[in-house]
């Protein structure tokens, strides 16, 4: 993680040992992100839960359903619009895949 902190000129407020490399991250699991809080000009690495709870949601369980947004539509979709505009972060990853349904699966 020190490499990521250096690359993005971000403070590292937790020990590298807090992160364990994984090949897959599931909704509600903890992930490392680079973010800049609105009240602080410094970038920081942070550990956050994967998922989004829209401001209008009544049940926090919706976070497991709002884990991915498409770049083409994130600015318009009600669930992602405000976060896309004001609360962005960089998810630290070295790759990703998108599940696809195959025949009979």
PDB file of N, CA and C in Angstrom:
ATOM      1  N   UNK A   1       0.813  -1.202   0.000  1.00  0.00           N
ATOM      2  CA  UNK A   1       0.000   0.000   0.000  1.00  0.00           C
ATOM      3  C   UNK A   1       0.853   1.260   0.000  1.00  0.00           C
ATOM      4  N   UNK A   2       2.049   1.151   0.520  1.00  0.00           N
ATOM      5  CA  UNK A   2       2.923   2.322   0.523  1.00  0.00           C
ATOM      6  C   UNK A   2       3.183   2.790  -0.905  1.00  0.00           C
ATOM      7  N   UNK A   3       3.290   1.855  -1.842  1.00  0.00           N
ATOM      8  CA  UNK A   3       3.492   2.215  -3.250  1.00  0.00           C
ATOM      9  C   UNK A   3       2.303   3.024  -3.762  1.00  0.00           C
ATOM     10  N   UNK A   4       1.092   2.603  -3.422  1.00  0.00           N
ATOM     11  CA  UNK A   4      -0.112   3.316  -3.847  1.00  0.00           C
ATOM     12  C   UNK A   4      -0.156   4.701  -3.208  1.00  0.00           C
ATOM     13  N   UNK A   5       0.159   4.783  -1.927  1.00  0.00           N
ATOM     14  CA  UNK A   5       0.162   6.078  -1.236  1.00  0.00           C
ATOM     15  C   UNK A   5       1.160   7.029  -1.895  1.00  0.00           C
ATOM     16  N   UNK A   6       2.324   6.536  -2.228  1.00  0.00           N
ATOM     17  CA  UNK A   6       3.337   7.375  -2.883  1.00  0.00           C
ATOM     18  C   UNK A   6       2.873   7.794  -4.272  1.00  0.00           C
ATOM     19  N   UNK A   7       2.344   6.856  -5.050  1.00  0.00           N
ATOM     20  CA  UNK A   7       1.893   7.142  -6.417  1.00  0.00           C
ATOM     21  C   UNK A   7       0.834   8.237  -6.456  1.00  0.00           C
ATOM     22  N   UNK A   8      -0.090   8.221  -5.512  1.00  0.00           N
ATOM     23  CA  UNK A   8      -1.189   9.185  -5.507  1.00  0.00           C
ATOM     24  C   UNK A   8      -0.986  10.316  -4.504  1.00  0.00           C
ATOM     25  N   UNK A   9       0.224  10.388  -3.942  1.00  0.00           N
ATOM     26  CA  UNK A   9       0.552  11.430  -2.967  1.00  0.00           C
ATOM     27  C   UNK A   9      -0.519  11.501  -1.880  1.00  0.00           C
ATOM     28  N   UNK A  10      -0.803  10.346  -1.319  1.00  0.00           N
ATOM     29  CA  UNK A  10      -1.861  10.219  -0.311  1.00  0.00           C
ATOM     30  C   UNK A  10      -1.263   9.796   1.024  1.00  0.00           C
ATOM     31  N   UNK A  11      -1.884  10.237   2.088  1.00  0.00           N
ATOM     32  CA  UNK A  11      -1.468   9.813   3.425  1.00  0.00           C
ATOM     33  C   UNK A  11      -1.961   8.391   3.662  1.00  0.00           C
ATOM     34  N   UNK A  12      -1.171   7.637   4.399  1.00  0.00           N
ATOM     35  CA  UNK A  12      -1.510   6.251   4.706  1.00  0.00           C
ATOM     36  C   UNK A  12      -1.794   6.147   6.203  1.00  0.00           C
ATOM     37  N   UNK A  13      -3.077   6.324   6.603  1.00  0.00           N
ATOM     38  CA  UNK A  13      -3.401   6.374   8.030  1.00  0.00           C
ATOM     39  C   UNK A  13      -3.562   5.013   8.709  1.00  0.00           C
ATOM     40  N   UNK A  14      -3.275   3.937   8.004  1.00  0.00           N
ATOM     41  CA  UNK A  14      -3.397   2.610   8.615  1.00  0.00           C
ATOM     42  C   UNK A  14      -2.211   1.767   8.174  1.00  0.00           C
ATOM     43  N   UNK A  15      -1.967   0.685   8.855  1.00  0.00           N
ATOM     44  CA  UNK A  15      -0.832  -0.185   8.554  1.00  0.00           C
ATOM     45  C   UNK A  15      -1.095  -1.002   7.292  1.00  0.00           C
ATOM     46  N   UNK A  16      -0.044  -1.245   6.530  1.00  0.00           N
ATOM     47  CA  UNK A  16      -0.169  -2.093   5.336  1.00  0.00           C
ATOM     48  C   UNK A  16      -0.777  -3.444   5.673  1.00  0.00           C
ATOM     49  N   UNK A  17      -0.546  -3.919   6.870  1.00  0.00           N
ATOM     50  CA  UNK A  17      -1.064  -5.230   7.279  1.00  0.00           C
ATOM     51  C   UNK A  17      -2.584  -5.259   7.309  1.00  0.00           C
ATOM     52  N   UNK A  18      -3.225  -4.088   7.299  1.00  0.00           N
ATOM     53  CA  UNK A  18      -4.690  -4.037   7.312  1.00  0.00           C
ATOM     54  C   UNK A  18      -5.273  -4.517   5.991  1.00  0.00           C
ATOM     55  N   UNK A  19      -4.444  -4.605   4.960  1.00  0.00           N
ATOM     56  CA  UNK A  19      -4.921  -5.022   3.639  1.00  0.00           C
ATOM     57  C   UNK A  19      -4.391  -6.402   3.288  1.00  0.00           C
ATOM     58  N   UNK A  20      -5.271  -7.222   2.791  1.00  0.00           N
ATOM     59  CA  UNK A  20      -4.910  -8.560   2.351  1.00  0.00           C
ATOM     60  C   UNK A  20      -5.255  -8.649   0.869  1.00  0.00           C
ATOM     61  N   UNK A  21      -4.299  -9.014   0.009  1.00  0.00           N
ATOM     62  CA  UNK A  21      -4.626  -9.135  -1.419  1.00  0.00           C
ATOM     63  C   UNK A  21      -5.733 -10.169  -1.639  1.00  0.00           C
ATOM     64  N   UNK A  22      -6.673  -9.844  -2.524  1.00  0.00           N
ATOM     65  CA  UNK A  22      -7.786 -10.741  -2.847  1.00  0.00           C
ATOM     66  C   UNK A  22      -8.017 -10.727  -4.353  1.00  0.00           C
ATOM     67  N   UNK A  23      -8.523 -11.807  -4.887  1.00  0.00           N
ATOM     68  CA  UNK A  23      -8.834 -11.840  -6.308  1.00  0.00           C
ATOM     69  C   UNK A  23     -10.265 -11.380  -6.568  1.00  0.00           C
ATOM     70  N   UNK A  24     -11.072 -11.260  -5.510  1.00  0.00           N
ATOM     71  CA  UNK A  24     -12.473 -10.898  -5.688  1.00  0.00           C
ATOM     72  C   UNK A  24     -12.930 -10.121  -4.456  1.00  0.00           C
ATOM     73  N   UNK A  25     -13.714  -9.079  -4.680  1.00  0.00           N
ATOM     74  CA  UNK A  25     -14.289  -8.310  -3.581  1.00  0.00           C
ATOM     75  C   UNK A  25     -15.800  -8.393  -3.717  1.00  0.00           C
ATOM     76  N   UNK A  26     -16.442  -8.818  -2.663  1.00  0.00           N
ATOM     77  CA  UNK A  26     -17.891  -8.953  -2.671  1.00  0.00           C
ATOM     78  C   UNK A  26     -18.542  -7.732  -2.017  1.00  0.00           C
ATOM     79  N   UNK A  27     -19.803  -7.466  -2.341  1.00  0.00           N
ATOM     80  CA  UNK A  27     -20.512  -6.350  -1.713  1.00  0.00           C
ATOM     81  C   UNK A  27     -20.421  -6.408  -0.196  1.00  0.00           C
ATOM     82  N   UNK A  28     -20.261  -5.268   0.398  1.00  0.00           N
ATOM     83  CA  UNK A  28     -20.151  -5.003   1.841  1.00  0.00           C
ATOM     84  C   UNK A  28     -18.786  -5.366   2.429  1.00  0.00           C
ATOM     85  N   UNK A  29     -17.849  -5.905   1.627  1.00  0.00           N
ATOM     86  CA  UNK A  29     -16.510  -6.166   2.145  1.00  0.00           C
ATOM     87  C   UNK A  29     -15.714  -4.856   2.195  1.00  0.00           C
ATOM     88  N   UNK A  30     -14.679  -4.834   3.007  1.00  0.00           N
ATOM     89  CA  UNK A  30     -13.824  -3.661   3.140  1.00  0.00           C
ATOM     90  C   UNK A  30     -12.821  -3.620   1.999  1.00  0.00           C
ATOM     91  N   UNK A  31     -12.678  -2.438   1.390  1.00  0.00           N
ATOM     92  CA  UNK A  31     -11.730  -2.230   0.302  1.00  0.00           C
ATOM     93  C   UNK A  31     -10.941  -0.945   0.561  1.00  0.00           C
ATOM     94  N   UNK A  32      -9.781  -0.857  -0.051  1.00  0.00           N
ATOM     95  CA  UNK A  32      -8.958   0.351   0.066  1.00  0.00           C
ATOM     96  C   UNK A  32      -9.311   1.312  -1.060  1.00  0.00           C
ATOM     97  N   UNK A  33      -9.435   2.588  -0.725  1.00  0.00           N
ATOM     98  CA  UNK A  33      -9.701   3.628  -1.722  1.00  0.00           C
ATOM     99  C   UNK A  33      -8.812   4.829  -1.443  1.00  0.00           C
ATOM    100  N   UNK A  34      -8.608   5.631  -2.477  1.00  0.00           N
ATOM    101  CA  UNK A  34      -7.948   6.926  -2.322  1.00  0.00           C
ATOM    102  C   UNK A  34      -9.061   7.955  -2.415  1.00  0.00           C
ATOM    103  N   UNK A  35      -9.130   8.848  -1.433  1.00  0.00           N
ATOM    104  CA  UNK A  35     -10.169   9.871  -1.458  1.00  0.00           C
ATOM    105  C   UNK A  35      -9.646  11.158  -0.848  1.00  0.00           C
ATOM    106  N   UNK A  36     -10.365  12.217  -1.107  1.00  0.00           N
ATOM    107  CA  UNK A  36     -10.056  13.515  -0.515  1.00  0.00           C
ATOM    108  C   UNK A  36     -11.323  14.030   0.132  1.00  0.00           C
ATOM    109  N   UNK A  37     -11.364  14.018   1.464  1.00  0.00           N
ATOM    110  CA  UNK A  37     -12.563  14.508   2.151  1.00  0.00           C
ATOM    111  C   UNK A  37     -12.840  15.970   1.787  1.00  0.00           C
ATOM    112  N   UNK A  38     -14.104  16.375   1.745  1.00  0.00           N
ATOM    113  CA  UNK A  38     -14.451  17.747   1.352  1.00  0.00           C
ATOM    114  C   UNK A  38     -13.816  18.819   2.232  1.00  0.00           C
ATOM    115  N   UNK A  39     -13.600  18.513   3.496  1.00  0.00           N
ATOM    116  CA  UNK A  39     -13.064  19.520   4.417  1.00  0.00           C
ATOM    117  C   UNK A  39     -11.546  19.438   4.577  1.00  0.00           C
ATOM    118  N   UNK A  40     -10.876  18.622   3.736  1.00  0.00           N
ATOM    119  CA  UNK A  40      -9.440  18.423   3.871  1.00  0.00           C
ATOM    120  C   UNK A  40      -8.815  18.330   2.485  1.00  0.00           C
ATOM    121  N   UNK A  41      -7.841  19.166   2.173  1.00  0.00           N
ATOM    122  CA  UNK A  41      -7.247  19.132   0.825  1.00  0.00           C
ATOM    123  C   UNK A  41      -6.310  17.946   0.585  1.00  0.00           C
ATOM    124  N   UNK A  42      -5.955  17.189   1.626  1.00  0.00           N
ATOM    125  CA  UNK A  42      -5.019  16.076   1.472  1.00  0.00           C
ATOM    126  C   UNK A  42      -5.726  14.806   1.022  1.00  0.00           C
ATOM    127  N   UNK A  43      -5.091  14.098   0.095  1.00  0.00           N
ATOM    128  CA  UNK A  43      -5.595  12.780  -0.290  1.00  0.00           C
ATOM    129  C   UNK A  43      -5.240  11.789   0.810  1.00  0.00           C
ATOM    130  N   UNK A  44      -6.114  10.824   1.027  1.00  0.00           N
ATOM    131  CA  UNK A  44      -5.880   9.797   2.048  1.00  0.00           C
ATOM    132  C   UNK A  44      -6.287   8.438   1.506  1.00  0.00           C
ATOM    133  N   UNK A  45      -5.544   7.427   1.912  1.00  0.00           N
ATOM    134  CA  UNK A  45      -6.014   6.072   1.690  1.00  0.00           C
ATOM    135  C   UNK A  45      -6.988   5.774   2.808  1.00  0.00           C
ATOM    136  N   UNK A  46      -8.090   5.149   2.477  1.00  0.00           N
ATOM    137  CA  UNK A  46      -9.111   4.834   3.472  1.00  0.00           C
ATOM    138  C   UNK A  46      -9.625   3.421   3.235  1.00  0.00           C
ATOM    139  N   UNK A  47     -10.088   2.814   4.283  1.00  0.00           N
ATOM    140  CA  UNK A  47     -10.752   1.518   4.188  1.00  0.00           C
ATOM    141  C   UNK A  47     -12.247   1.776   4.285  1.00  0.00           C
ATOM    142  N   UNK A  48     -12.996   1.348   3.277  1.00  0.00           N
ATOM    143  CA  UNK A  48     -14.438   1.588   3.226  1.00  0.00           C
ATOM    144  C   UNK A  48     -15.159   0.297   2.865  1.00  0.00           C
ATOM    145  N   UNK A  49     -16.463   0.279   3.117  1.00  0.00           N
ATOM    146  CA  UNK A  49     -17.284  -0.874   2.721  1.00  0.00           C
ATOM    147  C   UNK A  49     -17.725  -0.697   1.277  1.00  0.00           C
ATOM    148  N   UNK A  50     -17.592  -1.768   0.480  1.00  0.00           N
ATOM    149  CA  UNK A  50     -17.970  -1.725  -0.926  1.00  0.00           C
ATOM    150  C   UNK A  50     -19.493  -1.702  -1.031  1.00  0.00           C
ATOM    151  N   UNK A  51     -20.017  -0.674  -1.651  1.00  0.00           N
ATOM    152  CA  UNK A  51     -21.448  -0.509  -1.831  1.00  0.00           C
ATOM    153  C   UNK A  51     -21.823   0.954  -1.669  1.00  0.00           C
ATOM    154  N   UNK A  52     -23.011   1.303  -2.052  1.00  0.00           N
ATOM    155  CA  UNK A  52     -23.476   2.681  -1.974  1.00  0.00           C
ATOM    156  C   UNK A  52     -24.874   2.687  -1.370  1.00  0.00           C
ATOM    157  N   UNK A  53     -25.070   3.533  -0.387  1.00  0.00           N
ATOM    158  CA  UNK A  53     -26.400   3.716   0.183  1.00  0.00           C
ATOM    159  C   UNK A  53     -26.887   5.083  -0.290  1.00  0.00           C
ATOM    160  N   UNK A  54     -27.796   5.138  -1.269  1.00  0.00           N
ATOM    161  CA  UNK A  54     -28.295   6.428  -1.749  1.00  0.00           C
ATOM    162  C   UNK A  54     -28.971   7.204  -0.618  1.00  0.00           C
ATOM    163  N   UNK A  55     -28.936   8.507  -0.685  1.00  0.00           N
ATOM    164  CA  UNK A  55     -29.502   9.344   0.380  1.00  0.00           C
ATOM    165  C   UNK A  55     -30.986   9.076   0.590  1.00  0.00           C
ATOM    166  N   UNK A  56     -31.683   8.641  -0.456  1.00  0.00           N
ATOM    167  CA  UNK A  56     -33.125   8.422  -0.354  1.00  0.00           C
ATOM    168  C   UNK A  56     -33.476   7.015   0.142  1.00  0.00           C
ATOM    169  N   UNK A  57     -32.476   6.156   0.305  1.00  0.00           N
ATOM    170  CA  UNK A  57     -32.741   4.766   0.709  1.00  0.00           C
ATOM    171  C   UNK A  57     -33.166   4.696   2.167  1.00  0.00           C
ATOM    172  N   UNK A  58     -34.153   3.879   2.436  1.00  0.00           N
ATOM    173  CA  UNK A  58     -34.636   3.690   3.801  1.00  0.00           C
ATOM    174  C   UNK A  58     -33.948   2.504   4.489  1.00  0.00           C
ATOM    175  N   UNK A  59     -33.390   1.594   3.709  1.00  0.00           N
ATOM    176  CA  UNK A  59     -32.774   0.394   4.255  1.00  0.00           C
ATOM    177  C   UNK A  59     -31.310   0.314   3.810  1.00  0.00           C
ATOM    178  N   UNK A  60     -30.358   0.270   4.735  1.00  0.00           N
ATOM    179  CA  UNK A  60     -28.949   0.197   4.353  1.00  0.00           C
ATOM    180  C   UNK A  60     -28.573  -1.071   3.597  1.00  0.00           C
ATOM    181  N   UNK A  61     -29.445  -2.081   3.595  1.00  0.00           N
ATOM    182  CA  UNK A  61     -29.156  -3.313   2.861  1.00  0.00           C
ATOM    183  C   UNK A  61     -29.082  -3.076   1.356  1.00  0.00           C
ATOM    184  N   UNK A  62     -29.581  -1.935   0.901  1.00  0.00           N
ATOM    185  CA  UNK A  62     -29.517  -1.625  -0.526  1.00  0.00           C
ATOM    186  C   UNK A  62     -28.076  -1.481  -0.995  1.00  0.00           C
ATOM    187  N   UNK A  63     -27.140  -1.266  -0.079  1.00  0.00           N
ATOM    188  CA  UNK A  63     -25.732  -1.107  -0.445  1.00  0.00           C
ATOM    189  C   UNK A  63     -25.195  -2.314  -1.208  1.00  0.00           C
ATOM    190  N   UNK A  64     -25.687  -3.503  -0.909  1.00  0.00           N
ATOM    191  CA  UNK A  64     -25.210  -4.685  -1.629  1.00  0.00           C
ATOM    192  C   UNK A  64     -25.783  -4.771  -3.039  1.00  0.00           C
ATOM    193  N   UNK A  65     -26.809  -3.976  -3.330  1.00  0.00           N
ATOM    194  CA  UNK A  65     -27.403  -3.977  -4.666  1.00  0.00           C
ATOM    195  C   UNK A  65     -26.847  -2.848  -5.531  1.00  0.00           C
ATOM    196  N   UNK A  66     -26.270  -1.843  -4.901  1.00  0.00           N
ATOM    197  CA  UNK A  66     -25.738  -0.698  -5.658  1.00  0.00           C
ATOM    198  C   UNK A  66     -24.220  -0.699  -5.562  1.00  0.00           C
ATOM    199  N   UNK A  67     -23.607  -1.736  -6.111  1.00  0.00           N
ATOM    200  CA  UNK A  67     -22.154  -1.854  -6.029  1.00  0.00           C
ATOM    201  C   UNK A  67     -21.451  -1.404  -7.300  1.00  0.00           C
ATOM    202  N   UNK A  68     -22.130  -1.416  -8.398  1.00  0.00           N
ATOM    203  CA  UNK A  68     -21.494  -1.064  -9.674  1.00  0.00           C
ATOM    204  C   UNK A  68     -22.353  -0.070 -10.441  1.00  0.00           C
ATOM    205  N   UNK A  69     -21.685   0.874 -11.053  1.00  0.00           N
ATOM    206  CA  UNK A  69     -22.360   1.822 -11.934  1.00  0.00           C
ATOM    207  C   UNK A  69     -21.653   1.784 -13.283  1.00  0.00           C
ATOM    208  N   UNK A  70     -22.381   1.930 -14.315  1.00  0.00           N
ATOM    209  CA  UNK A  70     -21.768   2.010 -15.642  1.00  0.00           C
ATOM    210  C   UNK A  70     -21.344   3.454 -15.899  1.00  0.00           C
ATOM    211  N   UNK A  71     -20.155   3.626 -16.424  1.00  0.00           N
ATOM    212  CA  UNK A  71     -19.630   4.965 -16.694  1.00  0.00           C
ATOM    213  C   UNK A  71     -20.571   5.750 -17.607  1.00  0.00           C
ATOM    214  N   UNK A  72     -21.237   5.049 -18.512  1.00  0.00           N
ATOM    215  CA  UNK A  72     -22.114   5.714 -19.485  1.00  0.00           C
ATOM    216  C   UNK A  72     -23.358   6.311 -18.844  1.00  0.00           C
ATOM    217  N   UNK A  73     -23.797   5.781 -17.692  1.00  0.00           N
ATOM    218  CA  UNK A  73     -25.074   6.210 -17.124  1.00  0.00           C
ATOM    219  C   UNK A  73     -24.994   6.690 -15.673  1.00  0.00           C
ATOM    220  N   UNK A  74     -23.833   6.653 -15.048  1.00  0.00           N
ATOM    221  CA  UNK A  74     -23.718   7.000 -13.615  1.00  0.00           C
ATOM    222  C   UNK A  74     -24.191   8.415 -13.310  1.00  0.00           C
ATOM    223  N   UNK A  75     -23.956   9.350 -14.207  1.00  0.00           N
ATOM    224  CA  UNK A  75     -24.335  10.753 -13.956  1.00  0.00           C
ATOM    225  C   UNK A  75     -25.848  10.961 -13.998  1.00  0.00           C
ATOM    226  N   UNK A  76     -26.589  10.057 -14.637  1.00  0.00           N
ATOM    227  CA  UNK A  76     -28.037  10.237 -14.760  1.00  0.00           C
ATOM    228  C   UNK A  76     -28.864   9.366 -13.818  1.00  0.00           C
ATOM    229  N   UNK A  77     -28.350   8.213 -13.427  1.00  0.00           N
ATOM    230  CA  UNK A  77     -29.137   7.284 -12.594  1.00  0.00           C
ATOM    231  C   UNK A  77     -29.338   7.865 -11.197  1.00  0.00           C
ATOM    232  N   UNK A  78     -30.585   7.870 -10.698  1.00  0.00           N
ATOM    233  CA  UNK A  78     -30.860   8.454  -9.381  1.00  0.00           C
ATOM    234  C   UNK A  78     -30.005   7.876  -8.249  1.00  0.00           C
ATOM    235  N   UNK A  79     -29.702   6.595  -8.281  1.00  0.00           N
ATOM    236  CA  UNK A  79     -28.934   5.978  -7.196  1.00  0.00           C
ATOM    237  C   UNK A  79     -27.498   6.496  -7.140  1.00  0.00           C
ATOM    238  N   UNK A  80     -26.933   6.884  -8.282  1.00  0.00           N
ATOM    239  CA  UNK A  80     -25.524   7.265  -8.346  1.00  0.00           C
ATOM    240  C   UNK A  80     -25.277   8.752  -8.595  1.00  0.00           C
ATOM    241  N   UNK A  81     -26.280   9.478  -9.030  1.00  0.00           N
ATOM    242  CA  UNK A  81     -26.114  10.854  -9.500  1.00  0.00           C
ATOM    243  C   UNK A  81     -25.400  11.760  -8.494  1.00  0.00           C
ATOM    244  N   UNK A  82     -25.869  11.865  -7.267  1.00  0.00           N
ATOM    245  CA  UNK A  82     -25.273  12.780  -6.282  1.00  0.00           C
ATOM    246  C   UNK A  82     -23.858  12.334  -5.896  1.00  0.00           C
ATOM    247  N   UNK A  83     -23.682  11.046  -5.675  1.00  0.00           N
ATOM    248  CA  UNK A  83     -22.352  10.544  -5.314  1.00  0.00           C
ATOM    249  C   UNK A  83     -21.373  10.769  -6.455  1.00  0.00           C
ATOM    250  N   UNK A  84     -21.810  10.562  -7.680  1.00  0.00           N
ATOM    251  CA  UNK A  84     -20.951  10.764  -8.845  1.00  0.00           C
ATOM    252  C   UNK A  84     -20.506  12.217  -8.949  1.00  0.00           C
ATOM    253  N   UNK A  85     -21.377  13.105  -8.594  1.00  0.00           N
ATOM    254  CA  UNK A  85     -21.090  14.532  -8.686  1.00  0.00           C
ATOM    255  C   UNK A  85     -20.184  15.025  -7.553  1.00  0.00           C
ATOM    256  N   UNK A  86     -20.378  14.513  -6.323  1.00  0.00           N
ATOM    257  CA  UNK A  86     -19.723  15.113  -5.150  1.00  0.00           C
ATOM    258  C   UNK A  86     -18.831  14.203  -4.320  1.00  0.00           C
ATOM    259  N   UNK A  87     -19.007  12.896  -4.407  1.00  0.00           N
ATOM    260  CA  UNK A  87     -18.288  11.997  -3.497  1.00  0.00           C
ATOM    261  C   UNK A  87     -17.605  10.868  -4.263  1.00  0.00           C
ATOM    262  N   UNK A  88     -16.551  11.193  -4.929  1.00  0.00           N
ATOM    263  CA  UNK A  88     -15.836  10.189  -5.709  1.00  0.00           C
ATOM    264  C   UNK A  88     -14.643   9.651  -4.943  1.00  0.00           C
ATOM    265  N   UNK A  89     -14.181   8.487  -5.354  1.00  0.00           N
ATOM    266  CA  UNK A  89     -12.957   7.920  -4.807  1.00  0.00           C
ATOM    267  C   UNK A  89     -12.336   7.025  -5.874  1.00  0.00           C
ATOM    268  N   UNK A  90     -11.108   6.671  -5.644  1.00  0.00           N
ATOM    269  CA  UNK A  90     -10.400   5.768  -6.533  1.00  0.00           C
ATOM    270  C   UNK A  90     -10.267   4.432  -5.821  1.00  0.00           C
ATOM    271  N   UNK A  91     -10.817   3.388  -6.390  1.00  0.00           N
ATOM    272  CA  UNK A  91     -10.724   2.053  -5.802  1.00  0.00           C
ATOM    273  C   UNK A  91      -9.387   1.450  -6.227  1.00  0.00           C
ATOM    274  N   UNK A  92      -8.612   1.033  -5.253  1.00  0.00           N
ATOM    275  CA  UNK A  92      -7.288   0.482  -5.518  1.00  0.00           C
ATOM    276  C   UNK A  92      -7.446  -0.959  -5.993  1.00  0.00           C
ATOM    277  N   UNK A  93      -7.088  -1.204  -7.262  1.00  0.00           N
ATOM    278  CA  UNK A  93      -7.203  -2.542  -7.850  1.00  0.00           C
ATOM    279  C   UNK A  93      -6.189  -2.684  -8.969  1.00  0.00           C
ATOM    280  N   UNK A  94      -5.816  -3.900  -9.269  1.00  0.00           N
ATOM    281  CA  UNK A  94      -4.911  -4.106 -10.402  1.00  0.00           C
ATOM    282  C   UNK A  94      -5.608  -4.832 -11.543  1.00  0.00           C
ATOM    283  N   UNK A  95      -6.923  -4.969 -11.452  1.00  0.00           N
ATOM    284  CA  UNK A  95      -7.702  -5.575 -12.514  1.00  0.00           C
ATOM    285  C   UNK A  95      -9.148  -5.687 -12.093  1.00  0.00           C
ATOM    286  N   UNK A  96     -10.013  -6.037 -13.033  1.00  0.00           N
ATOM    287  CA  UNK A  96     -11.415  -6.262 -12.706  1.00  0.00           C
ATOM    288  C   UNK A  96     -12.006  -7.173 -13.760  1.00  0.00           C
ATOM    289  N   UNK A  97     -13.118  -7.764 -13.414  1.00  0.00           N
ATOM    290  CA  UNK A  97     -13.859  -8.562 -14.388  1.00  0.00           C
ATOM    291  C   UNK A  97     -15.332  -8.319 -14.139  1.00  0.00           C
ATOM    292  N   UNK A  98     -16.102  -8.543 -15.159  1.00  0.00           N
ATOM    293  CA  UNK A  98     -17.547  -8.384 -15.048  1.00  0.00           C
ATOM    294  C   UNK A  98     -18.184  -9.733 -15.340  1.00  0.00           C
ATOM    295  N   UNK A  99     -18.979 -10.221 -14.383  1.00  0.00           N
ATOM    296  CA  UNK A  99     -19.648 -11.493 -14.574  1.00  0.00           C
ATOM    297  C   UNK A  99     -20.607 -11.393 -15.755  1.00  0.00           C
ATOM    298  N   UNK A 100     -20.662 -12.447 -16.535  1.00  0.00           N
ATOM    299  CA  UNK A 100     -21.592 -12.519 -17.648  1.00  0.00           C
ATOM    300  C   UNK A 100     -22.331 -13.845 -17.560  1.00  0.00           C
ATOM    301  N   UNK A 101     -23.588 -13.811 -17.921  1.00  0.00           N
ATOM    302  CA  UNK A 101     -24.360 -15.038 -17.940  1.00  0.00           C
ATOM    303  C   UNK A 101     -24.088 -15.781 -19.238  1.00  0.00           C
ATOM    304  N   UNK A 102     -23.830 -17.052 -19.111  1.00  0.00           N
ATOM    305  CA  UNK A 102     -23.640 -17.886 -20.290  1.00  0.00           C
ATOM    306  C   UNK A 102     -24.861 -18.756 -20.499  1.00  0.00           C
ATOM    307  N   UNK A 103     -24.830 -19.547 -21.534  1.00  0.00           N
ATOM    308  CA  UNK A 103     -25.964 -20.430 -21.806  1.00  0.00           C
ATOM    309  C   UNK A 103     -26.146 -21.416 -20.657  1.00  0.00           C
ATOM    310  N   UNK A 104     -27.329 -21.423 -20.072  1.00  0.00           N
ATOM    311  CA  UNK A 104     -27.648 -22.352 -19.016  1.00  0.00           C
ATOM    312  C   UNK A 104     -27.008 -22.049 -17.669  1.00  0.00           C
ATOM    313  N   UNK A 105     -26.389 -20.889 -17.564  1.00  0.00           N
ATOM    314  CA  UNK A 105     -25.730 -20.529 -16.288  1.00  0.00           C
ATOM    315  C   UNK A 105     -26.230 -19.212 -15.795  1.00  0.00           C
TER     316      UNK A 105
END
